Amino acid sequence: MRSAPGDALAMPERGSTPRVLIVDDCEDDALRVEAELARRGMRLSWMRVDNAIDMAAALATTAWDLVLCDHTLRAFDCRRALTVLQRSGRDLPFILHSGRMTPSEGVGAMYEGARDFVVKGDHARLLAVIERELLAQADRAAVRRAEDRIRELSLFDGLSQLSNQAHFCARVADWLACRERSGRNTGATLIVFDLDRFMRVNVGFGYEVGTEVLRELGRRLVEVVPPSAMLARLCGDRFGVFVPGVVDEGQAELLARCLLRVPERPFASVPGGLTLNASVGVALLDAGHVPAVDALMQAEVALAEAKRAGGNCVRIHREAQSRASAFALALERDLRSALARNELRLHYQPIVGAASCHARGAEALLRWQHPVHGLLGPDRFIALADETGLIADIGAWVLAEACMQGKRWHRAGLADFEMSVNVSAVQFVQPGLYAQVEAALARSGFPASCLVLEITESSLMSDCEHAARCLRALKALGLRIAIDDFGTGYSSLAYLRRLPIDVIKIDRALVSDVDRDDDASAIVRAALAMAHSLRLRVVAEGVETAAQEILLQASHCDALQGFRYGRPLVADAFRFGSLTPDR
């Protein structure tokens, strides 16, 4: 075995010099090929081998552009050489170069995988064949690169370089199928990891910063998950982790809590080093048959439970969650057609003046007359409407119907009667709210001065500056703004001063204890004093007893609402006048 002077087994530098592995038992023939091709303008980087072992070693250690093989060697023929090349896994042009090969033998070899055959001595044709094969090889390499890129795009996430959801599910499915074929009882854990309120990063710092946060998060997760685990970016700020062999609930929860701590370290890409929280859903896969998509869905159900619990926590999937999820899916399906089937209803609960206990307004409360489950309160479906985006259409219907009913009562002689309408957190941040309110007022003829929009504290405080701009735009229509559930969230004097609000509604949780808990009573009196100092009207919710009523009247509360004055009723059953029951 001999290599050309200056050549080594290491890969030669890329350039115009082809790298040719010559399989020939005659050194002089190899040197003649080198000289004749050089005379015609092609310099070779080459090596000669004459047996299977040396050929296999050369293919394994050096990158070649082409194999040039004699037809018949003393102990090694071209068909065995072609077999060595094919077994090496290298896609290289194989050119036969012989002085004793007949055309039929050459064609037969091409059927077996050779690219061409050239008679020894015909160096002009040999040069043309090599040039042709090098160009074809470059084209094939470009196609392979394109195919690899297509595969990468279809299987991997471009942002994090991790597997995408399709690839993740396919790998999990392969593992589960392999387990089933082998008959092993090995279990596994599937985890879904999702950042809490990640949209704040995109809104507050821009999408470029958000992208860098996700890249850094992906790198951190790679460092934390076990080597045997499969990690993927499923979508947005959601990641999936599949860990074979982990079946114990305690082990799974321990791993999930490790993941939970990953975003708690400051992110360098965010100015000020922002830290984040996450929620984690876990599904345990025992020896039973569970399709990959179902396993992922179970973890997603557990994740949704963690989100509903306020985030920054771990939840493990259990069968009851699957039943609840199935019910939620059925409910979502029915909710999508509830408006079209005219199943939504508004009930009205009176709001009375604290001094007179006469109804001065009503709060419109949404109900759903479900064809199977009966009358459902908003706690059963409003969160679902928010999650699915149906709240936009439902909210528009509520505004329109409440304003129409308010106008009917005005025509009946109840001038200045007020209508309060709840706006959900999701509905408040949607850009169509202003247009919905404007349209409801215009179509009904209900005066804007009699409309009160009730918005929860948490909705306003998620982005106080944005909330202030939205509220100012709404108030320009002439309506009033009430903060609902006051006392359960921020209850800060600072934000009360910054936001253009007119009314605060003290939450029933405080009012329920006001007559038997000195602390609750003190908080309510302080809230009243604070609101009145800012010239805000105060409504106390959840009033049920005479003692509560008397204490709130003595504290100069402006208006009262609760079962003491009536439960929510349809418009035709609504009562006016004095609503104070006998004490």
Protein backbone atom coordinates (compact mmCIF):
# COMPACT_ATOMS: atom_id res chain seq x y z
CA MET A 1 0.00 0.00 0.00
CA ARG A 2 1.36 3.43 -0.96
CA SER A 3 0.10 7.00 -0.85
CA ALA A 4 1.19 9.85 -3.06
CA PRO A 5 4.01 12.00 -1.66
CA GLY A 6 2.78 14.48 0.90
CA ASP A 7 -0.60 12.76 1.39
CA ALA A 8 -1.64 11.26 4.71
CA LEU A 9 -4.56 9.29 6.07
CA ALA A 10 -6.02 12.45 7.53
CA MET A 11 -8.66 14.21 5.43
CA PRO A 12 -7.00 16.44 2.78
CA GLU A 13 -8.06 20.04 2.55
CA ARG A 14 -11.04 20.69 0.33
CA GLY A 15 -10.39 22.43 -2.96
CA SER A 16 -10.07 21.55 -6.62
CA THR A 17 -7.95 18.45 -5.93
CA PRO A 18 -10.10 15.29 -6.06
CA ARG A 19 -9.47 12.67 -3.40
CA VAL A 20 -9.30 9.28 -5.13
CA LEU A 21 -8.96 5.85 -3.53
CA ILE A 22 -7.22 3.63 -6.14
CA VAL A 23 -7.83 -0.10 -5.78
CA ASP A 24 -5.08 -1.71 -7.87
CA ASP A 25 -2.27 -4.21 -7.35
CA CYS A 26 0.08 -2.38 -9.72
CA GLU A 27 1.90 0.67 -8.34
CA ASP A 28 3.02 1.74 -11.82
CA ASP A 29 -0.58 1.87 -13.09
CA ALA A 30 -1.57 4.18 -10.20
CA LEU A 31 1.41 6.49 -10.85
CA ARG A 32 0.60 6.53 -14.56
CA VAL A 33 -2.99 7.61 -13.84
CA GLU A 34 -1.71 10.40 -11.59
CA ALA A 35 0.76 11.65 -14.21
CA GLU A 36 -1.61 11.49 -17.18
CA LEU A 37 -4.42 13.29 -15.37
CA ALA A 38 -1.97 15.92 -14.08
CA ARG A 39 -0.80 16.46 -17.68
CA ARG A 40 -4.46 17.12 -18.58
CA GLY A 41 -4.92 19.62 -15.73
CA MET A 42 -6.27 17.45 -12.90
CA ARG A 43 -4.07 16.86 -9.86
CA LEU A 44 -5.12 14.01 -7.60
CA SER A 45 -4.79 13.39 -3.88
CA TRP A 46 -4.74 9.61 -3.82
CA MET A 47 -3.99 6.38 -2.04
CA ARG A 48 -3.56 2.87 -3.42
CA VAL A 49 -4.88 -0.27 -1.73
CA ASP A 50 -4.95 -3.85 -2.99
CA ASN A 51 -6.94 -5.85 -0.42
CA ALA A 52 -10.25 -5.73 1.45
CA ILE A 53 -8.78 -4.91 4.89
CA ASP A 54 -6.75 -1.92 3.68
CA MET A 55 -9.65 -0.66 1.60
CA ALA A 56 -12.07 -0.82 4.54
CA ALA A 57 -9.54 0.99 6.76
CA ALA A 58 -9.00 3.72 4.16
CA LEU A 59 -12.77 4.27 3.78
CA ALA A 60 -13.18 4.49 7.55
CA THR A 61 -10.39 6.99 8.17
CA THR A 62 -10.39 9.37 5.18
CA ALA A 63 -13.01 11.31 3.24
CA TRP A 64 -12.82 10.33 -0.45
CA ASP A 65 -14.49 11.74 -3.54
CA LEU A 66 -14.24 8.65 -5.73
CA VAL A 67 -13.04 5.03 -5.91
CA LEU A 68 -11.09 3.93 -8.99
CA CYS A 69 -10.84 0.13 -9.12
CA ASP A 70 -9.06 -2.33 -11.39
CA HIS A 71 -11.26 -5.12 -12.75
CA THR A 72 -9.17 -8.11 -11.74
CA LEU A 73 -6.58 -8.24 -8.95
CA ARG A 74 -4.55 -11.22 -7.90
CA ALA A 75 -6.46 -11.79 -4.65
CA PHE A 76 -9.17 -9.15 -4.73
CA ASP A 77 -11.62 -8.53 -7.60
CA CYS A 78 -13.80 -5.50 -8.33
CA ARG A 79 -17.03 -7.11 -7.09
CA ARG A 80 -15.52 -7.69 -3.63
CA ALA A 81 -14.19 -4.12 -3.67
CA LEU A 82 -17.67 -2.84 -4.51
CA THR A 83 -19.08 -4.87 -1.61
CA VAL A 84 -16.54 -3.33 0.78
CA LEU A 85 -17.58 0.15 -0.38
CA GLN A 86 -21.29 -0.60 -0.01
CA ARG A 87 -20.81 -2.05 3.49
CA SER A 88 -18.85 1.04 4.55
CA GLY A 89 -21.99 3.16 4.16
CA ARG A 90 -20.11 5.72 2.04
CA ASP A 91 -21.94 7.06 -1.02
CA LEU A 92 -19.00 7.30 -3.46
CA PRO A 93 -18.77 6.90 -7.26
CA PHE A 94 -17.16 3.52 -8.08
CA ILE A 95 -15.33 3.58 -11.44
CA LEU A 96 -13.90 0.43 -13.00
CA HIS A 97 -10.51 0.90 -14.69
CA SER A 98 -9.16 -2.16 -16.49
CA GLY A 99 -7.25 -3.20 -19.58
CA ARG A 100 -8.92 -6.59 -19.86
CA MET A 101 -12.63 -5.81 -19.24
CA THR A 102 -15.14 -6.53 -21.98
CA PRO A 103 -18.08 -4.14 -22.53
CA SER A 104 -20.55 -6.78 -21.30
CA GLU A 105 -18.55 -7.22 -18.07
CA GLY A 106 -18.50 -3.44 -17.59
CA VAL A 107 -22.28 -3.17 -18.07
CA GLY A 108 -22.81 -6.07 -15.66
CA ALA A 109 -20.72 -4.31 -13.02
CA MET A 110 -22.77 -1.13 -13.51
CA TYR A 111 -25.94 -3.13 -12.81
CA GLU A 112 -24.33 -4.15 -9.51
CA GLY A 113 -23.51 -0.57 -8.50
CA ALA A 114 -20.50 0.70 -10.43
CA ARG A 115 -21.00 4.11 -12.04
CA ASP A 116 -18.91 3.54 -15.18
CA PHE A 117 -16.02 1.57 -16.66
CA VAL A 118 -12.98 2.93 -18.53
CA VAL A 119 -10.34 1.00 -20.41
CA LYS A 120 -6.82 1.55 -19.08
CA GLY A 121 -4.86 3.90 -21.28
CA ASP A 122 -7.92 5.97 -22.33
CA HIS A 123 -6.93 8.85 -20.04
CA ALA A 124 -9.01 11.46 -21.87
CA ARG A 125 -12.18 9.50 -21.20
CA LEU A 126 -11.07 8.76 -17.63
CA LEU A 127 -10.68 12.50 -17.03
CA ALA A 128 -14.17 13.17 -18.42
CA VAL A 129 -15.74 10.40 -16.32
CA ILE A 130 -14.07 11.63 -13.11
CA GLU A 131 -15.16 15.24 -13.77
CA ARG A 132 -18.71 14.07 -14.48
CA GLU A 133 -18.90 11.96 -11.33
CA LEU A 134 -17.45 14.73 -9.16
CA LEU A 135 -20.15 17.12 -10.40
CA ALA A 136 -22.82 14.48 -9.84
CA GLN A 137 -21.40 13.78 -6.38
CA ALA A 138 -21.62 17.52 -5.56
CA ASP A 139 -25.24 17.54 -6.72
CA ARG A 140 -26.05 14.50 -4.60
CA ALA A 141 -24.38 16.12 -1.60
CA ALA A 142 -26.49 19.26 -2.12
CA VAL A 143 -29.64 17.11 -2.29
CA ARG A 144 -28.62 15.28 0.89
CA ARG A 145 -28.04 18.59 2.65
CA ALA A 146 -31.46 19.80 1.51
CA GLU A 147 -33.08 16.56 2.67
CA ASP A 148 -31.29 16.79 6.01
CA ARG A 149 -32.49 20.39 6.35
CA ILE A 150 -36.06 19.40 5.48
CA ARG A 151 -35.88 16.60 8.03
CA GLU A 152 -34.46 19.01 10.58
CA LEU A 153 -37.25 21.51 9.93
CA SER A 154 -39.93 18.82 10.13
CA LEU A 155 -38.60 17.14 13.27
CA PHE A 156 -36.79 19.84 15.20
CA ASP A 157 -37.73 23.23 16.59
CA GLY A 158 -35.72 25.98 14.91
CA LEU A 159 -35.61 28.23 17.97
CA SER A 160 -34.38 25.77 20.62
CA GLN A 161 -32.88 23.06 18.36
CA LEU A 162 -34.87 20.53 20.40
CA SER A 163 -37.33 18.00 18.99
CA ASN A 164 -40.69 19.48 18.04
CA GLN A 165 -44.06 18.08 19.15
CA ALA A 166 -44.46 15.74 16.15
CA HIS A 167 -40.98 14.26 16.64
CA PHE A 168 -41.50 14.02 20.40
CA CYS A 169 -44.77 12.11 20.01
CA ALA A 170 -43.21 9.83 17.37
CA ARG A 171 -40.26 8.99 19.65
CA VAL A 172 -42.59 8.35 22.60
CA ALA A 173 -44.79 6.17 20.36
CA ASP A 174 -41.71 4.21 19.20
CA TRP A 175 -40.66 3.61 22.80
CA LEU A 176 -44.15 2.48 23.79
CA ALA A 177 -44.39 0.18 20.74
CA CYS A 178 -40.98 -1.31 21.53
CA ARG A 179 -42.07 -1.91 25.12
CA GLU A 180 -45.21 -3.65 23.93
CA ARG A 181 -43.33 -5.88 21.45
CA SER A 182 -40.77 -6.90 24.04
CA GLY A 183 -43.41 -7.66 26.65
CA ARG A 184 -41.52 -5.66 29.28
CA ASN A 185 -43.49 -4.00 32.08
CA THR A 186 -41.33 -0.87 32.12
CA GLY A 187 -43.22 2.31 32.93
CA ALA A 188 -42.38 5.91 32.16
CA THR A 189 -43.21 9.50 33.08
CA LEU A 190 -44.34 12.20 30.67
CA ILE A 191 -44.04 15.81 31.83
CA VAL A 192 -45.33 19.02 30.28
CA PHE A 193 -43.61 22.21 31.45
CA ASP A 194 -45.07 25.67 30.76
CA LEU A 195 -44.01 29.16 31.87
CA ASP A 196 -46.58 31.18 33.80
CA ARG A 197 -47.71 34.45 32.17
CA PHE A 198 -44.85 34.41 29.67
CA MET A 199 -46.71 36.94 27.52
CA ARG A 200 -45.55 39.61 30.00
CA VAL A 201 -41.99 39.13 28.74
CA ASN A 202 -42.99 39.58 25.09
CA VAL A 203 -45.17 42.58 25.87
CA GLY A 204 -42.79 44.20 28.35
CA PHE A 205 -39.44 43.57 26.64
CA GLY A 206 -40.26 42.62 23.05
CA TYR A 207 -40.34 39.36 21.11
CA GLU A 208 -36.57 39.28 20.56
CA VAL A 209 -35.98 39.16 24.33
CA GLY A 210 -38.74 36.57 24.66
CA THR A 211 -37.04 34.43 22.03
CA GLU A 212 -33.71 34.61 23.86
CA VAL A 213 -35.42 33.64 27.12
CA LEU A 214 -36.85 30.52 25.44
CA ARG A 215 -33.46 29.60 23.98
CA GLU A 216 -31.81 29.95 27.38
CA LEU A 217 -34.63 28.00 29.01
CA GLY A 218 -34.14 25.17 26.49
CA ARG A 219 -30.41 25.03 27.31
CA ARG A 220 -31.14 24.94 31.04
CA LEU A 221 -33.65 22.11 30.62
CA VAL A 222 -31.10 20.07 28.65
CA GLU A 223 -28.75 20.35 31.64
CA VAL A 224 -31.40 19.27 34.15
CA VAL A 225 -33.25 16.36 32.53
CA PRO A 226 -31.75 12.85 32.87
CA PRO A 227 -29.54 11.63 29.96
CA SER A 228 -32.12 8.98 29.08
CA ALA A 229 -34.95 11.52 28.80
CA MET A 230 -36.47 12.86 25.59
CA LEU A 231 -36.84 16.66 25.63
CA ALA A 232 -38.87 18.73 23.17
CA ARG A 233 -40.26 22.21 22.71
CA LEU A 234 -43.93 21.52 22.06
CA CYS A 235 -45.04 25.06 21.23
CA GLY A 236 -44.56 28.60 22.49
CA ASP A 237 -43.17 28.44 26.02
CA ARG A 238 -44.27 24.81 26.53
CA PHE A 239 -41.78 21.92 26.73
CA GLY A 240 -42.24 18.16 26.98
CA VAL A 241 -40.04 15.65 28.85
CA PHE A 242 -40.39 11.88 28.53
CA VAL A 243 -38.45 9.82 31.08
CA PRO A 244 -38.43 6.02 30.58
CA GLY A 245 -38.17 3.93 33.72
CA VAL A 246 -39.56 6.50 36.15
CA VAL A 247 -42.91 5.16 37.39
CA ASP A 248 -42.93 6.03 41.06
CA GLU A 249 -45.10 9.08 41.81
CA GLY A 250 -42.57 10.41 44.31
CA GLN A 251 -39.70 10.18 41.80
CA ALA A 252 -41.81 11.82 39.12
CA GLU A 253 -42.79 14.68 41.41
CA LEU A 254 -39.17 15.17 42.51
CA LEU A 255 -38.08 15.51 38.87
CA ALA A 256 -41.01 17.85 38.15
CA ARG A 257 -40.04 20.09 41.06
CA CYS A 258 -36.45 20.23 39.77
CA LEU A 259 -37.85 21.49 36.47
CA LEU A 260 -40.00 23.97 38.35
CA ARG A 261 -36.87 25.64 39.72
CA VAL A 262 -35.22 26.03 36.31
CA PRO A 263 -36.72 29.46 35.41
CA GLU A 264 -36.23 30.85 38.92
CA ARG A 265 -32.63 31.85 38.13
CA PRO A 266 -32.42 35.31 36.52
CA PHE A 267 -32.35 35.34 32.71
CA ALA A 268 -29.34 37.25 31.42
CA SER A 269 -31.17 38.26 28.23
CA VAL A 270 -33.76 40.26 30.19
CA PRO A 271 -32.77 43.70 31.50
CA GLY A 272 -32.61 43.55 35.28
CA GLY A 273 -32.36 39.74 35.30
CA LEU A 274 -36.04 38.76 35.34
CA THR A 275 -37.01 35.49 37.05
CA LEU A 276 -40.03 33.47 36.00
CA ASN A 277 -42.36 30.83 37.39
CA ALA A 278 -43.69 27.73 35.67
CA SER A 279 -46.40 25.10 35.95
CA VAL A 280 -45.79 21.38 35.46
CA GLY A 281 -48.21 18.61 34.55
CA VAL A 282 -47.20 14.95 35.01
CA ALA A 283 -48.64 11.75 33.55
CA LEU A 284 -47.48 8.35 34.85
CA LEU A 285 -47.49 5.59 32.21
CA ASP A 286 -47.71 2.15 33.75
CA ALA A 287 -47.48 -1.16 31.93
CA GLY A 288 -50.89 -0.71 30.26
CA HIS A 289 -51.31 0.37 26.63
CA VAL A 290 -51.45 4.17 26.34
CA PRO A 291 -51.06 5.86 22.93
CA ALA A 292 -48.46 8.66 22.89
CA VAL A 293 -51.06 11.33 22.13
CA ASP A 294 -53.22 10.20 25.04
CA ALA A 295 -50.21 10.28 27.36
CA LEU A 296 -49.46 13.83 26.26
CA MET A 297 -53.10 14.79 26.74
CA GLN A 298 -53.06 13.41 30.30
CA ALA A 299 -50.02 15.55 31.13
CA GLU A 300 -51.76 18.55 29.51
CA VAL A 301 -54.82 17.96 31.70
CA ALA A 302 -52.61 17.93 34.79
CA LEU A 303 -50.89 21.10 33.56
CA ALA A 304 -54.24 22.83 33.16
CA GLU A 305 -55.05 21.86 36.74
CA ALA A 306 -51.74 23.42 37.88
CA LYS A 307 -52.60 26.61 35.99
CA ARG A 308 -56.05 26.77 37.58
CA ALA A 309 -54.41 26.40 41.00
CA GLY A 310 -52.52 29.65 40.35
CA GLY A 311 -49.40 28.28 38.66
CA ASN A 312 -45.90 27.73 40.05
CA CYS A 313 -46.84 24.21 41.10
CA VAL A 314 -46.90 20.55 40.03
CA ARG A 315 -49.98 18.45 39.38
CA ILE A 316 -50.03 14.73 38.63
CA HIS A 317 -52.69 13.30 36.34
CA ARG A 318 -55.34 11.11 37.90
CA GLU A 319 -58.38 9.39 36.44
CA ALA A 320 -60.79 11.94 37.92
CA GLN A 321 -59.03 14.63 35.91
CA SER A 322 -59.66 12.67 32.72
CA ARG A 323 -63.36 12.50 33.52
CA ALA A 324 -63.40 16.22 34.30
CA SER A 325 -61.54 16.90 31.07
CA ALA A 326 -64.00 14.83 29.04
CA PHE A 327 -66.87 16.75 30.64
CA ALA A 328 -65.11 20.05 29.86
CA LEU A 329 -64.66 19.04 26.22
CA ALA A 330 -68.33 18.15 25.91
CA LEU A 331 -69.25 21.42 27.61
CA GLU A 332 -66.99 23.35 25.24
CA ARG A 333 -68.67 21.70 22.25
CA ASP A 334 -72.10 22.69 23.56
CA LEU A 335 -70.96 26.21 24.50
CA ARG A 336 -69.88 26.88 20.93
CA SER A 337 -73.49 26.58 19.80
CA ALA A 338 -75.20 27.99 22.92
CA LEU A 339 -75.60 31.46 21.42
CA ALA A 340 -77.01 30.13 18.16
CA ARG A 341 -79.49 27.95 20.07
CA ASN A 342 -80.55 30.89 22.25
CA GLU A 343 -79.58 29.10 25.47
CA LEU A 344 -77.91 32.01 27.27
CA ARG A 345 -79.94 33.94 29.83
CA LEU A 346 -79.47 37.06 31.94
CA HIS A 347 -80.65 37.15 35.54
CA TYR A 348 -80.67 40.40 37.47
CA GLN A 349 -79.78 40.98 41.11
CA PRO A 350 -80.89 44.27 42.69
CA ILE A 351 -78.44 46.87 44.02
CA VAL A 352 -80.15 49.00 46.65
CA GLY A 353 -79.35 52.37 48.14
CA ALA A 354 -77.95 51.77 51.65
CA ALA A 355 -80.15 54.41 53.28
CA SER A 356 -83.49 53.61 51.60
CA CYS A 357 -82.98 49.97 50.55
CA HIS A 358 -84.83 50.83 47.34
CA ALA A 359 -83.55 49.21 44.14
CA ARG A 360 -81.51 51.81 42.28
CA GLY A 361 -79.90 49.39 39.83
CA ALA A 362 -79.22 45.78 38.99
CA GLU A 363 -76.26 43.61 38.13
CA ALA A 364 -76.75 41.49 35.01
CA LEU A 365 -75.56 37.95 35.75
CA LEU A 366 -75.08 35.40 32.99
CA ARG A 367 -76.65 31.96 33.08
CA TRP A 368 -76.67 29.07 30.60
CA GLN A 369 -79.81 27.02 30.17
CA HIS A 370 -78.03 23.82 29.16
CA PRO A 371 -80.33 21.29 27.46
CA VAL A 372 -78.94 18.42 29.57
CA HIS A 373 -77.36 19.88 32.72
CA GLY A 374 -80.00 22.52 33.38
CA LEU A 375 -79.31 26.09 34.48
CA LEU A 376 -75.55 26.64 34.86
CA GLY A 377 -73.96 29.56 36.69
CA PRO A 378 -71.00 31.48 35.23
CA ASP A 379 -68.54 29.60 37.46
CA ARG A 380 -69.27 26.51 35.33
CA PHE A 381 -68.47 27.96 31.91
CA ILE A 382 -66.97 31.49 31.92
CA ALA A 383 -63.40 30.19 32.39
CA LEU A 384 -64.04 27.82 29.48
CA ALA A 385 -65.31 30.73 27.37
CA ASP A 386 -62.15 32.68 28.23
CA GLU A 387 -59.86 29.77 27.31
CA THR A 388 -61.58 29.08 23.98
CA GLY A 389 -62.00 32.70 22.91
CA LEU A 390 -65.80 32.40 22.94
CA ILE A 391 -65.96 35.15 25.57
CA ALA A 392 -65.80 37.81 22.84
CA ASP A 393 -69.13 36.77 21.29
CA ILE A 394 -70.71 35.94 24.65
CA GLY A 395 -69.57 39.24 26.18
CA ALA A 396 -70.97 41.19 23.22
CA TRP A 397 -74.32 39.41 23.66
CA VAL A 398 -74.41 40.16 27.41
CA LEU A 399 -73.71 43.87 26.84
CA ALA A 400 -76.34 44.13 24.13
CA GLU A 401 -79.01 42.24 26.11
CA ALA A 402 -78.33 44.08 29.38
CA CYS A 403 -78.55 47.48 27.68
CA MET A 404 -81.77 46.48 25.91
CA GLN A 405 -83.31 45.40 29.23
CA GLY A 406 -82.14 48.59 30.92
CA LYS A 407 -83.85 50.62 28.19
CA ARG A 408 -87.09 48.62 28.64
CA TRP A 409 -87.11 49.49 32.35
CA HIS A 410 -86.47 53.14 31.54
CA ARG A 411 -89.45 53.14 29.18
CA ALA A 412 -91.51 51.58 31.97
CA GLY A 413 -90.90 54.69 34.07
CA LEU A 414 -87.75 53.72 35.97
CA ALA A 415 -85.65 56.67 34.87
CA ASP A 416 -81.98 56.65 35.92
CA PHE A 417 -82.12 52.93 36.77
CA GLU A 418 -78.53 51.63 36.48
CA MET A 419 -77.30 48.45 34.84
CA SER A 420 -74.04 46.81 35.94
CA VAL A 421 -72.32 44.36 33.59
CA ASN A 422 -69.30 42.17 34.40
CA VAL A 423 -66.29 42.19 32.07
CA SER A 424 -63.97 39.18 32.33
CA ALA A 425 -60.19 39.53 32.44
CA VAL A 426 -59.83 38.07 28.95
CA GLN A 427 -62.62 40.23 27.56
CA PHE A 428 -61.05 43.36 29.05
CA VAL A 429 -57.73 42.92 27.23
CA GLN A 430 -59.35 42.15 23.88
CA PRO A 431 -59.29 45.07 21.43
CA GLY A 432 -63.00 44.75 20.54
CA LEU A 433 -64.43 45.70 23.95
CA TYR A 434 -64.80 49.42 23.18
CA ALA A 435 -66.64 48.68 19.92
CA GLN A 436 -68.93 46.18 21.68
CA VAL A 437 -69.92 48.70 24.36
CA GLU A 438 -70.44 51.47 21.81
CA ALA A 439 -72.61 49.20 19.64
CA ALA A 440 -74.71 48.00 22.61
CA LEU A 441 -75.43 51.58 23.71
CA ALA A 442 -76.22 52.77 20.19
CA ARG A 443 -78.58 49.91 19.32
CA SER A 444 -80.46 49.96 22.61
CA GLY A 445 -80.62 53.69 23.20
CA PHE A 446 -79.68 53.03 26.82
CA PRO A 447 -77.89 56.09 28.24
CA ALA A 448 -74.19 55.52 28.87
CA SER A 449 -74.46 57.36 32.19
CA CYS A 450 -76.57 54.48 33.52
CA LEU A 451 -74.16 51.74 32.47
CA VAL A 452 -71.54 50.46 34.93
CA LEU A 453 -68.83 48.06 33.77
CA GLU A 454 -67.51 45.84 36.57
CA ILE A 455 -63.88 44.73 36.22
CA THR A 456 -61.90 42.69 38.75
CA GLU A 457 -58.83 44.07 40.50
CA SER A 458 -56.54 41.39 39.03
CA SER A 459 -57.63 42.30 35.47
CA LEU A 460 -56.63 45.91 36.02
CA MET A 461 -53.38 45.25 37.81
CA SER A 462 -51.86 42.78 35.31
CA ASP A 463 -50.82 45.87 33.32
CA CYS A 464 -51.85 49.02 35.14
CA GLU A 465 -50.77 51.49 32.44
CA HIS A 466 -52.59 49.61 29.69
CA ALA A 467 -55.64 49.30 31.96
CA ALA A 468 -55.66 53.04 32.58
CA ARG A 469 -55.64 53.77 28.84
CA CYS A 470 -58.48 51.31 28.18
CA LEU A 471 -60.57 52.67 31.04
CA ARG A 472 -60.12 56.27 29.88
CA ALA A 473 -61.31 55.29 26.40
CA LEU A 474 -64.39 53.52 27.82
CA LYS A 475 -65.21 56.40 30.16
CA ALA A 476 -65.12 58.75 27.17
CA LEU A 477 -68.38 57.05 26.15
CA GLY A 478 -69.95 58.42 29.35
CA LEU A 479 -70.27 55.20 31.34
CA ARG A 480 -68.82 54.41 34.78
CA ILE A 481 -66.25 51.87 35.92
CA ALA A 482 -66.50 49.69 39.03
CA ILE A 483 -63.76 47.55 40.56
CA ASP A 484 -65.30 44.19 41.42
CA ASP A 485 -64.15 41.88 44.26
CA PHE A 486 -62.34 44.74 46.01
CA GLY A 487 -60.36 43.55 49.02
CA THR A 488 -59.34 40.16 47.61
CA GLY A 489 -56.37 41.35 45.56
CA TYR A 490 -54.13 44.39 45.57
CA SER A 491 -56.42 46.90 47.34
CA SER A 492 -53.76 49.56 46.95
CA LEU A 493 -54.48 53.24 47.39
CA ALA A 494 -51.79 53.94 44.79
CA TYR A 495 -53.59 52.12 41.97
CA LEU A 496 -56.96 53.58 43.01
CA ARG A 497 -55.51 57.01 42.41
CA ARG A 498 -53.96 56.06 39.05
CA LEU A 499 -57.03 54.41 37.49
CA PRO A 500 -60.10 56.37 36.31
CA ILE A 501 -62.69 54.47 38.35
CA ASP A 502 -66.00 55.51 39.90
CA VAL A 503 -67.14 52.64 42.11
CA ILE A 504 -65.57 49.94 44.26
CA LYS A 505 -67.50 46.81 45.17
CA ILE A 506 -66.34 45.31 48.48
CA ASP A 507 -66.07 41.55 48.11
CA ARG A 508 -68.54 39.28 49.87
CA ALA A 509 -65.68 37.50 51.67
CA LEU A 510 -65.14 40.65 53.77
CA VAL A 511 -68.81 41.51 54.11
CA SER A 512 -69.76 38.03 55.36
CA ASP A 513 -67.66 38.50 58.52
CA VAL A 514 -68.24 42.20 59.07
CA ASP A 515 -70.75 41.69 61.92
CA ARG A 516 -68.75 39.08 63.84
CA ASP A 517 -65.07 39.75 63.13
CA ASP A 518 -63.47 42.97 64.35
CA ASP A 519 -60.67 42.72 61.77
CA ALA A 520 -63.10 42.35 58.87
CA SER A 521 -65.16 45.24 60.22
CA ALA A 522 -62.06 47.43 60.50
CA ILE A 523 -60.99 46.57 56.93
CA VAL A 524 -64.42 47.44 55.52
CA ARG A 525 -64.54 50.76 57.42
CA ALA A 526 -61.02 51.59 56.21
CA ALA A 527 -61.97 50.73 52.62
CA LEU A 528 -65.06 52.95 52.87
CA ALA A 529 -63.05 55.85 54.29
CA MET A 530 -60.37 55.46 51.63
CA ALA A 531 -62.90 55.29 48.78
CA HIS A 532 -64.89 58.26 50.02
CA SER A 533 -61.72 60.33 50.38
CA LEU A 534 -61.18 59.69 46.66
CA ARG A 535 -64.86 60.55 45.93
CA LEU A 536 -65.64 56.97 44.92
CA ARG A 537 -68.98 55.27 45.46
CA VAL A 538 -68.92 51.99 47.44
CA VAL A 539 -71.17 48.95 46.97
CA ALA A 540 -70.99 46.11 49.51
CA GLU A 541 -71.63 42.67 48.00
CA GLY A 542 -72.94 39.57 49.73
CA VAL A 543 -75.19 41.26 52.31
CA GLU A 544 -77.39 38.59 53.85
CA THR A 545 -78.27 39.63 57.40
CA ALA A 546 -79.81 42.61 59.14
CA ALA A 547 -76.67 42.95 61.32
CA GLN A 548 -74.48 43.31 58.24
CA GLU A 549 -76.88 45.85 56.78
CA ILE A 550 -76.98 47.97 59.94
CA LEU A 551 -73.20 48.01 60.32
CA LEU A 552 -72.69 48.99 56.65
CA GLN A 553 -75.30 51.73 56.93
CA ALA A 554 -73.58 53.07 60.03
CA SER A 555 -70.27 53.05 58.12
CA HIS A 556 -71.88 55.19 55.37
CA CYS A 557 -71.72 52.58 52.63
CA ASP A 558 -73.44 53.93 49.50
CA ALA A 559 -75.17 50.81 48.15
CA LEU A 560 -75.78 47.20 49.12
CA GLN A 561 -76.20 43.98 47.17
CA GLY A 562 -76.91 40.43 48.30
CA PHE A 563 -79.49 37.77 49.03
CA ARG A 564 -81.04 39.99 51.69
CA TYR A 565 -82.53 42.06 48.85
CA GLY A 566 -83.13 39.31 46.38
CA ARG A 567 -81.51 36.51 44.46
CA PRO A 568 -80.73 36.93 40.76
CA LEU A 569 -83.99 36.60 38.79
CA VAL A 570 -85.17 36.90 35.21
CA ALA A 571 -86.29 40.39 34.19
CA ASP A 572 -90.02 39.64 34.46
CA ALA A 573 -89.63 38.51 38.10
CA PHE A 574 -87.41 41.41 39.16
CA ARG A 575 -88.75 43.44 42.12
CA PHE A 576 -88.48 47.19 42.54
CA GLY A 577 -89.22 49.56 45.41
CA SER A 578 -88.16 48.87 48.98
CA LEU A 579 -86.48 45.47 49.23
CA THR A 580 -85.67 45.30 52.96
CA PRO A 581 -87.22 42.23 54.56
CA ASP A 582 -88.56 42.38 58.09
CA ARG A 583 -85.82 42.57 60.66
